[in-house]
């Protein structure tokens, strides 16, 4: 057929056409969908059936592993991406002790909204070693004398105070005056007056204050709260919570805990606060009556200034009772039990750093509730970061910490007098008297 266009094959005598087909074949081999393009360039046409077949073949080729190194489509993301570094909230960690170095600072690696940007320590050598490991600028290392110059570091949004309890108020107030938001370890402070001063300082500075109640951000505790509040257990009747550990005077992390001035209290302030918190967040109420007893082993030098054992009972307005304990004298215990009219739950361990076990019992049936363990430290820091970014109050603000200190002081009073202490079942408001 004179004048007709010869068929296009690799053996075509036309060098340009032959080269085009070689390139097209190479592109097709990579799965980059060259066939329809080649056809359109050559003016080829196909029927709807052929087009559908070509589309199916094209999809199959795209799904196959590529013949050479090439970019692949974005996979389905199972864990949310973190915010880019410039969009995260910058934290300065104050105090580089056992808890900060083993729990808090490593947890920034799992944070989505938070980043470590500064360190405050009385030990420059230690701080420089930590800064080098975590990429903190050496110019962002402060000691306690230069603490107030944090005001000049625009990268620092939050000052996270991880110091002995008796120092919380001083550094929280100084941080607020420096224009920084404050996250503070529990207990919030040693006295009610100190807690109130911290709240006032943050309010005056227009900054947020959050107490690091990690259990309220931990998935198993959050599920226990949901079950208790949902009615799945029936009407709540009793909460039992026990926390204990041995106080070790050879551990530097425990030495300050034997000082009333630095610790504010003994087993109650350190670990009894978990039992108290559990009773409050499980019921969702504030107690109206408290009974308590305290005992310390006579002659034990660990307990010259702080208490060893404390038990306390709480009555809530709905009629729920709570029986709680704390001890510095027995083996590691971190347990919460809740009894409802229809079912009960046990969370044991309840407030461990890494391990939790939640079971629900109804009649003779016991069900273990399973969750993937989450990093509660990263979760609480990210919650505070989000509350700052969205200008929302944190879940555990300073008023929450104030209430616990107020209640622990009432527990001491009840134990000292041997009489019940009656309270208004509400969190006190200190906003009204802030000028």
Protein backbone atom coordinates (compact mmCIF):
# COMPACT_ATOMS: atom_id res chain seq x y z
CA UNK A 1 0.00 0.00 0.00
CA UNK A 2 1.87 3.01 -1.31
CA UNK A 3 1.81 6.15 0.84
CA UNK A 4 0.75 4.30 4.03
CA UNK A 5 2.61 4.73 7.29
CA UNK A 6 4.71 1.66 8.11
CA UNK A 7 3.88 -0.10 11.39
CA UNK A 8 5.85 1.10 14.37
CA UNK A 9 8.12 -1.64 15.69
CA UNK A 10 11.49 -1.72 17.36
CA UNK A 11 12.86 -2.95 14.00
CA UNK A 12 11.49 0.11 12.17
CA UNK A 13 14.02 1.44 9.64
CA UNK A 14 13.25 5.02 10.78
CA UNK A 15 15.97 5.75 13.40
CA UNK A 16 13.88 8.43 15.11
CA UNK A 17 10.89 6.15 15.47
CA UNK A 18 13.09 3.28 16.57
CA UNK A 19 14.67 5.45 19.26
CA UNK A 20 11.22 6.70 20.44
CA UNK A 21 9.97 3.16 20.89
CA UNK A 22 13.10 2.14 22.80
CA UNK A 23 12.62 5.08 25.22
CA UNK A 24 8.90 4.39 25.52
CA UNK A 25 9.63 0.77 26.34
CA UNK A 26 12.13 1.74 29.00
CA UNK A 27 9.66 4.19 30.58
CA UNK A 28 6.90 1.61 30.55
CA UNK A 29 9.21 -0.83 32.31
CA UNK A 30 9.48 1.55 35.26
CA UNK A 31 5.72 1.56 35.77
CA UNK A 32 5.46 5.28 35.01
CA UNK A 33 2.48 4.90 32.62
CA UNK A 34 4.05 5.80 29.28
CA UNK A 35 1.93 3.62 27.00
CA UNK A 36 -1.14 5.89 26.66
CA UNK A 37 1.13 8.88 26.14
CA UNK A 38 3.02 7.15 23.38
CA UNK A 39 -0.23 6.15 21.73
CA UNK A 40 -1.57 9.70 21.81
CA UNK A 41 1.65 11.10 20.40
CA UNK A 42 1.42 8.67 17.50
CA UNK A 43 -2.20 9.47 16.86
CA UNK A 44 -3.35 5.94 17.76
CA UNK A 45 -6.99 5.41 18.65
CA UNK A 46 -8.68 2.57 20.52
CA UNK A 47 -12.20 1.33 21.20
CA UNK A 48 -13.78 1.75 24.68
CA UNK A 49 -13.07 -1.93 25.39
CA UNK A 50 -9.44 -1.55 24.39
CA UNK A 51 -9.17 1.64 26.46
CA UNK A 52 -10.52 -0.18 29.53
CA UNK A 53 -8.07 -3.02 28.98
CA UNK A 54 -5.21 -0.57 28.62
CA UNK A 55 -6.29 1.22 31.82
CA UNK A 56 -6.40 -2.08 33.70
CA UNK A 57 -2.97 -3.07 32.41
CA UNK A 58 -1.67 0.36 33.34
CA UNK A 59 -2.97 -0.02 36.93
CA UNK A 60 -1.42 -3.48 37.21
CA UNK A 61 1.93 -2.16 36.00
CA UNK A 62 1.77 0.71 38.50
CA UNK A 63 1.07 -1.74 41.34
CA UNK A 64 4.06 -3.90 40.49
CA UNK A 65 7.47 -3.23 42.06
CA UNK A 66 9.41 -0.76 39.92
CA UNK A 67 12.16 -2.10 37.66
CA UNK A 68 14.57 0.50 39.00
CA UNK A 69 14.97 2.83 41.97
CA UNK A 70 12.17 5.36 41.90
CA UNK A 71 9.83 7.30 44.18
CA UNK A 72 6.79 5.38 45.35
CA UNK A 73 3.36 6.76 46.38
CA UNK A 74 2.83 7.97 49.97
CA UNK A 75 1.80 4.96 52.13
CA UNK A 76 -1.14 5.02 54.48
CA UNK A 77 0.06 6.82 57.63
CA UNK A 78 -0.83 4.87 60.77
CA UNK A 79 0.61 7.36 63.27
CA UNK A 80 0.03 11.09 62.82
CA UNK A 81 2.99 13.11 61.65
CA UNK A 82 4.45 15.45 64.28
CA UNK A 83 4.22 19.16 63.71
CA UNK A 84 7.26 20.60 61.96
CA UNK A 85 9.91 21.76 64.45
CA UNK A 86 9.20 25.45 63.92
CA UNK A 87 5.53 24.88 64.84
CA UNK A 88 6.15 23.00 68.10
CA UNK A 89 6.08 24.50 71.58
CA UNK A 90 9.54 24.94 73.11
CA UNK A 91 10.15 23.59 76.64
CA UNK A 92 12.86 24.49 79.13
CA UNK A 93 13.33 21.67 81.66
CA UNK A 94 14.28 22.89 85.13
CA UNK A 95 16.11 20.27 87.20
CA UNK A 96 18.11 17.42 85.65
CA UNK A 97 17.52 14.68 88.18
CA UNK A 98 16.56 11.04 87.86
CA UNK A 99 12.98 11.65 86.74
CA UNK A 100 13.84 14.36 84.23
CA UNK A 101 16.67 12.41 82.61
CA UNK A 102 15.04 8.98 82.57
CA UNK A 103 11.43 9.90 81.77
CA UNK A 104 10.73 13.45 80.68
CA UNK A 105 13.60 14.42 78.39
CA UNK A 106 13.63 11.12 76.41
CA UNK A 107 9.87 11.52 75.90
CA UNK A 108 10.32 14.56 73.67
CA UNK A 109 11.30 12.07 70.96
CA UNK A 110 7.70 10.80 70.99
CA UNK A 111 6.08 14.22 71.23
CA UNK A 112 4.09 15.60 68.31
CA UNK A 113 3.78 19.22 69.46
CA UNK A 114 6.62 19.74 71.94
CA UNK A 115 10.37 20.15 71.71
CA UNK A 116 13.24 20.54 74.17
CA UNK A 117 15.00 23.88 73.68
CA UNK A 118 16.62 24.78 77.02
CA UNK A 119 17.96 23.31 80.28
CA UNK A 120 18.28 24.69 83.80
CA UNK A 121 20.67 22.97 86.20
CA UNK A 122 23.09 23.78 89.00
CA UNK A 123 25.59 21.34 87.46
CA UNK A 124 27.01 22.89 84.25
CA UNK A 125 29.02 19.80 83.29
CA UNK A 126 25.96 17.57 83.52
CA UNK A 127 23.82 20.07 81.62
CA UNK A 128 26.36 20.31 78.80
CA UNK A 129 26.46 16.54 78.51
CA UNK A 130 22.66 16.36 78.30
CA UNK A 131 22.52 19.27 75.85
CA UNK A 132 25.01 17.54 73.56
CA UNK A 133 22.97 14.34 73.54
CA UNK A 134 19.65 16.05 72.82
CA UNK A 135 20.71 18.82 70.47
CA UNK A 136 20.16 21.73 72.87
CA UNK A 137 22.22 24.83 72.13
CA UNK A 138 24.91 25.39 74.79
CA UNK A 139 23.78 29.01 74.89
CA UNK A 140 20.39 27.74 76.13
CA UNK A 141 21.84 26.25 79.33
CA UNK A 142 20.98 28.22 82.48
CA UNK A 143 21.75 27.87 86.16
CA UNK A 144 19.52 29.00 89.01
CA UNK A 145 21.21 32.39 89.26
CA UNK A 146 20.61 33.11 85.56
CA UNK A 147 17.12 31.57 85.55
CA UNK A 148 15.34 34.90 85.02
CA UNK A 149 17.19 35.47 81.73
CA UNK A 150 14.92 32.82 80.22
CA UNK A 151 12.78 35.87 79.49
CA UNK A 152 15.24 36.74 76.70
CA UNK A 153 14.97 33.34 74.98
CA UNK A 154 12.10 33.53 72.50
CA UNK A 155 12.37 29.80 71.76
CA UNK A 156 11.19 28.97 75.31
CA UNK A 157 7.40 28.90 75.56
CA UNK A 158 7.06 26.62 78.62
CA UNK A 159 9.14 26.22 81.75
CA UNK A 160 8.73 22.67 83.08
CA UNK A 161 9.62 22.61 86.79
CA UNK A 162 10.99 19.28 88.04
CA UNK A 163 12.46 20.33 91.39
CA UNK A 164 11.82 19.33 95.02
CA UNK A 165 8.31 20.33 96.05
CA UNK A 166 9.44 23.14 98.33
CA UNK A 167 11.01 24.97 95.34
CA UNK A 168 8.03 24.75 92.96
CA UNK A 169 6.39 28.03 93.97
CA UNK A 170 9.54 30.16 93.71
CA UNK A 171 10.46 29.02 90.22
CA UNK A 172 6.89 28.91 88.91
CA UNK A 173 6.41 32.54 89.95
CA UNK A 174 9.75 33.57 88.45
CA UNK A 175 8.90 31.76 85.21
CA UNK A 176 5.55 33.54 84.96
CA UNK A 177 7.26 36.89 85.56
CA UNK A 178 9.63 35.99 82.72
CA UNK A 179 6.58 35.69 80.48
CA UNK A 180 6.56 31.91 80.22
CA UNK A 181 3.82 29.30 80.58
CA UNK A 182 4.47 26.90 83.46
CA UNK A 183 4.18 23.14 83.75
CA UNK A 184 4.89 21.91 87.28
CA UNK A 185 5.37 18.46 88.74
CA UNK A 186 3.03 17.29 91.45
CA UNK A 187 2.39 18.11 94.22
CA UNK A 188 2.00 21.64 92.97
CA UNK A 189 3.60 23.15 96.10
CA UNK A 190 3.98 22.60 99.83
CA UNK A 191 1.18 24.87 101.03
CA UNK A 192 -2.17 26.25 99.92
CA UNK A 193 -0.77 29.78 100.03
CA UNK A 194 2.06 28.85 97.67
CA UNK A 195 -0.38 27.26 95.23
CA UNK A 196 -2.53 30.38 95.26
CA UNK A 197 0.51 32.59 94.67
CA UNK A 198 1.50 30.47 91.65
CA UNK A 199 -1.98 30.78 90.16
CA UNK A 200 -2.06 34.53 90.71
CA UNK A 201 1.38 34.98 89.11
CA UNK A 202 0.32 33.12 85.98
CA UNK A 203 -2.95 35.03 85.75
CA UNK A 204 -1.20 38.37 86.11
CA UNK A 205 1.28 37.40 83.40
CA UNK A 206 -1.45 36.14 81.08
CA UNK A 207 0.19 32.71 80.94
CA UNK A 208 -1.10 29.18 81.50
CA UNK A 209 -0.26 26.95 84.46
CA UNK A 210 -0.61 23.18 84.36
CA UNK A 211 0.18 20.51 86.95
CA UNK A 212 1.76 17.37 85.49
CA UNK A 213 -0.79 14.80 86.58
CA UNK A 214 0.39 12.19 84.10
CA UNK A 215 -2.22 9.56 85.03
CA UNK A 216 -5.00 11.81 83.69
CA UNK A 217 -3.38 11.57 80.24
CA UNK A 218 -2.55 7.87 80.36
CA UNK A 219 -4.90 5.66 78.21
CA UNK A 220 -5.73 2.98 80.82
CA UNK A 221 -6.59 5.53 83.50
CA UNK A 222 -8.64 7.48 80.98
CA UNK A 223 -10.60 4.32 80.15
CA UNK A 224 -11.17 3.63 83.86
CA UNK A 225 -12.55 7.16 84.18
CA UNK A 226 -14.80 6.62 81.15
CA UNK A 227 -16.15 3.33 82.52
CA UNK A 228 -16.85 4.85 85.94
CA UNK A 229 -18.61 7.90 84.50
CA UNK A 230 -20.54 6.06 81.78
CA UNK A 231 -22.68 3.96 84.12
CA UNK A 232 -21.17 0.71 82.80
CA UNK A 233 -20.35 -0.25 86.39
CA UNK A 234 -23.78 0.77 87.68
CA UNK A 235 -24.00 3.24 90.54
CA UNK A 236 -20.58 3.83 92.06
CA UNK A 237 -20.27 2.68 95.65
CA UNK A 238 -16.60 2.46 96.67
CA UNK A 239 -13.15 3.47 95.45
CA UNK A 240 -10.08 1.84 96.99
CA UNK A 241 -6.63 3.12 96.04
CA UNK A 242 -3.26 2.17 97.51
CA UNK A 243 0.19 3.45 96.62
CA UNK A 244 3.41 2.48 98.34
CA UNK A 245 7.15 2.07 97.92
CA UNK A 246 10.25 1.89 100.06
CA UNK A 247 12.03 5.18 100.67
CA UNK A 248 15.72 4.63 99.92
CA UNK A 249 18.06 7.06 101.72
CA UNK A 250 21.02 6.00 99.57
CA UNK A 251 19.26 7.22 96.41
CA UNK A 252 19.87 10.96 95.79
CA UNK A 253 16.36 11.15 94.31
CA UNK A 254 14.96 10.12 97.71
CA UNK A 255 17.23 12.11 100.02
CA UNK A 256 15.34 15.38 99.67
CA UNK A 257 12.09 13.49 100.26
CA UNK A 258 13.13 12.98 103.89
CA UNK A 259 13.22 16.76 104.44
CA UNK A 260 9.94 18.41 105.46
CA UNK A 261 11.17 21.75 104.10
CA UNK A 262 11.95 20.37 100.62
CA UNK A 263 9.22 17.72 100.37
CA UNK A 264 6.32 19.43 102.15
CA UNK A 265 5.20 16.04 103.44
CA UNK A 266 6.06 12.36 103.35
CA UNK A 267 4.31 9.41 101.74
CA UNK A 268 1.07 11.40 101.41
CA UNK A 269 2.59 14.23 99.35
CA UNK A 270 4.77 11.98 97.21
CA UNK A 271 2.59 8.96 96.38
CA UNK A 272 -0.59 9.33 98.43
CA UNK A 273 -1.50 12.09 96.00
CA UNK A 274 -2.04 9.36 93.38
CA UNK A 275 -4.58 7.67 95.65
CA UNK A 276 -6.28 11.01 96.32
CA UNK A 277 -6.31 11.89 92.62
CA UNK A 278 -7.80 8.50 91.74
CA UNK A 279 -10.70 8.99 94.15
CA UNK A 280 -11.38 12.44 92.67
CA UNK A 281 -11.14 11.62 88.97
CA UNK A 282 -12.93 8.28 89.23
CA UNK A 283 -15.93 9.81 91.01
CA UNK A 284 -15.78 13.18 89.24
CA UNK A 285 -16.66 14.74 92.61
CA UNK A 286 -14.99 16.64 95.42
CA UNK A 287 -15.09 15.16 98.95
CA UNK A 288 -17.17 16.72 101.69
CA UNK A 289 -15.74 14.80 104.66
CA UNK A 290 -12.31 13.35 105.51
CA UNK A 291 -11.06 10.91 108.18
CA UNK A 292 -7.39 9.91 108.50
CA UNK A 293 -4.68 8.14 110.51
CA UNK A 294 -0.88 8.43 110.29
CA UNK A 295 1.86 6.19 111.71
CA UNK A 296 5.65 6.16 111.35
CA UNK A 297 8.00 3.48 112.63
CA UNK A 298 9.58 4.75 115.83
CA UNK A 299 13.35 5.17 115.59
CA UNK A 300 13.54 4.94 111.80
CA UNK A 301 15.78 7.87 110.77
CA UNK A 302 13.97 8.20 107.43
CA UNK A 303 10.87 9.44 109.21
CA UNK A 304 12.21 12.04 111.62
CA UNK A 305 10.53 14.82 109.61
CA UNK A 306 8.04 13.14 107.27
CA UNK A 307 5.39 10.44 107.71
CA UNK A 308 5.77 6.80 106.71
CA UNK A 309 2.18 5.54 106.50
CA UNK A 310 -1.17 7.25 106.03
CA UNK A 311 -4.69 6.00 105.50
CA UNK A 312 -7.61 8.27 104.75
CA UNK A 313 -11.29 7.94 104.00
CA UNK A 314 -13.34 10.31 101.84
CA UNK A 315 -17.10 10.80 101.65
CA UNK A 316 -18.46 12.30 98.44
CA UNK A 317 -21.81 14.12 98.01
CA UNK A 318 -23.30 11.27 95.95
CA UNK A 319 -22.62 8.83 98.77
CA UNK A 320 -19.55 7.21 97.22
CA UNK A 321 -16.89 6.33 99.79
CA UNK A 322 -13.15 6.12 99.14
CA UNK A 323 -10.61 4.22 101.21
CA UNK A 324 -7.05 5.26 100.35
CA UNK A 325 -3.53 4.64 101.62
CA UNK A 326 0.09 5.55 101.03
CA UNK A 327 3.31 4.20 102.51
CA UNK A 328 7.05 4.66 102.32
CA UNK A 329 7.52 1.37 104.11
CA UNK A 330 6.27 -1.46 101.91
CA UNK A 331 6.82 -2.99 98.50
CA UNK A 332 5.90 -1.22 95.29
CA UNK A 333 2.11 -0.85 95.06
CA UNK A 334 0.09 1.19 92.53
CA UNK A 335 -3.52 -0.02 92.62
CA UNK A 336 -6.99 1.42 92.00
CA UNK A 337 -10.20 -0.57 92.53
CA UNK A 338 -13.74 0.67 91.86
CA UNK A 339 -16.91 -1.08 92.99
CA UNK A 340 -20.21 -0.31 91.29
CA UNK A 341 -23.67 -1.77 91.80
CA UNK A 342 -23.39 -3.79 88.56
CA UNK A 343 -19.66 -4.40 88.04
CA UNK A 344 -16.22 -3.55 89.35
CA UNK A 345 -12.89 -2.63 87.84
CA UNK A 346 -9.30 -3.07 88.94
CA UNK A 347 -6.38 -1.12 87.53
CA UNK A 348 -3.18 -2.77 88.77
CA UNK A 349 -0.60 -1.50 88.12
CA UNK A 350 -2.45 1.79 87.79
CA UNK A 351 0.22 4.49 87.84
CA UNK A 352 3.32 2.73 86.58
CA UNK A 353 5.51 4.46 84.02
CA UNK A 354 5.36 1.64 81.45
CA UNK A 355 2.87 -1.08 82.40
CA UNK A 356 -0.88 -1.09 83.14
CA UNK A 357 -3.48 -3.82 83.57
CA UNK A 358 -7.22 -3.06 83.58
CA UNK A 359 -9.87 -5.70 84.30
CA UNK A 360 -13.66 -5.41 84.60
CA UNK A 361 -15.55 -8.01 86.62
CA UNK A 362 -19.28 -8.63 86.35
CA UNK A 363 -20.55 -11.58 88.33
CA UNK A 364 -18.21 -14.46 87.53
CA UNK A 365 -17.09 -12.95 84.24
CA UNK A 366 -13.78 -11.11 84.13
CA UNK A 367 -12.70 -9.15 81.06
CA UNK A 368 -9.27 -7.68 80.54
CA UNK A 369 -9.39 -4.35 78.73
CA UNK A 370 -6.46 -4.00 76.36
CA UNK A 371 -4.89 -0.85 75.00
CA UNK A 372 -1.57 -0.11 73.42
CA UNK A 373 0.65 1.44 76.07
CA UNK A 374 1.17 5.15 75.37
CA UNK A 375 3.91 7.49 76.51
CA UNK A 376 2.02 9.41 79.18
CA UNK A 377 4.80 11.99 79.51
CA UNK A 378 4.72 12.87 75.81
CA UNK A 379 0.91 12.90 75.94
CA UNK A 380 0.72 15.35 78.83
CA UNK A 381 3.34 17.67 77.33
CA UNK A 382 1.56 17.63 73.98
CA UNK A 383 -1.75 18.35 75.70
CA UNK A 384 -0.27 21.45 77.30
CA UNK A 385 1.32 22.48 73.99
CA UNK A 386 -2.04 22.16 72.26
CA UNK A 387 -3.81 24.13 74.98
CA UNK A 388 -1.30 26.94 74.40
CA UNK A 389 -1.58 26.80 70.61
CA UNK A 390 -5.39 26.81 70.74
CA UNK A 391 -5.63 29.12 73.78
CA UNK A 392 -7.68 26.61 75.77
CA UNK A 393 -7.37 25.78 79.49
CA UNK A 394 -5.39 22.59 80.22
CA UNK A 395 -7.18 19.59 81.70
CA UNK A 396 -5.18 19.81 84.94
CA UNK A 397 -4.70 23.53 85.66
CA UNK A 398 -3.25 25.10 88.78
CA UNK A 399 -6.65 24.95 90.50
CA UNK A 400 -6.46 21.15 90.31
CA UNK A 401 -3.12 21.17 92.10
CA UNK A 402 -4.41 23.65 94.68
CA UNK A 403 -7.32 21.36 95.50
CA UNK A 404 -5.05 18.38 96.15
CA UNK A 405 -2.81 20.40 98.49
CA UNK A 406 -5.91 21.75 100.23
CA UNK A 407 -7.23 18.19 100.71
CA UNK A 408 -3.87 16.79 101.86
CA UNK A 409 -3.66 19.51 104.50
CA UNK A 410 -7.14 18.45 105.64
CA UNK A 411 -5.94 14.82 105.82
CA UNK A 412 -3.09 15.91 108.11
CA UNK A 413 -5.55 17.84 110.26
CA UNK A 414 -7.93 14.87 110.52
CA UNK A 415 -5.05 12.57 111.52
CA UNK A 416 -3.69 15.08 114.05
CA UNK A 417 -7.03 15.79 115.75
CA UNK A 418 -8.63 12.38 115.37
CA UNK A 419 -11.81 14.09 114.15
CA UNK A 420 -13.54 14.30 110.80
CA UNK A 421 -12.81 17.37 108.70
CA UNK A 422 -15.76 18.70 106.76
CA UNK A 423 -15.21 20.66 103.55
CA UNK A 424 -17.16 22.46 100.89
CA UNK A 425 -17.24 19.92 98.01
CA UNK A 426 -15.84 22.28 95.39
CA UNK A 427 -12.52 23.55 94.03
CA UNK A 428 -11.77 26.97 95.50
CA UNK A 429 -11.65 29.93 93.14
CA UNK A 430 -8.69 32.30 93.37
CA UNK A 431 -9.46 34.28 90.21
CA UNK A 432 -11.73 36.77 91.96
CA UNK A 433 -8.99 38.29 94.11
CA UNK A 434 -6.42 38.76 91.33
CA UNK A 435 -6.10 42.52 90.60
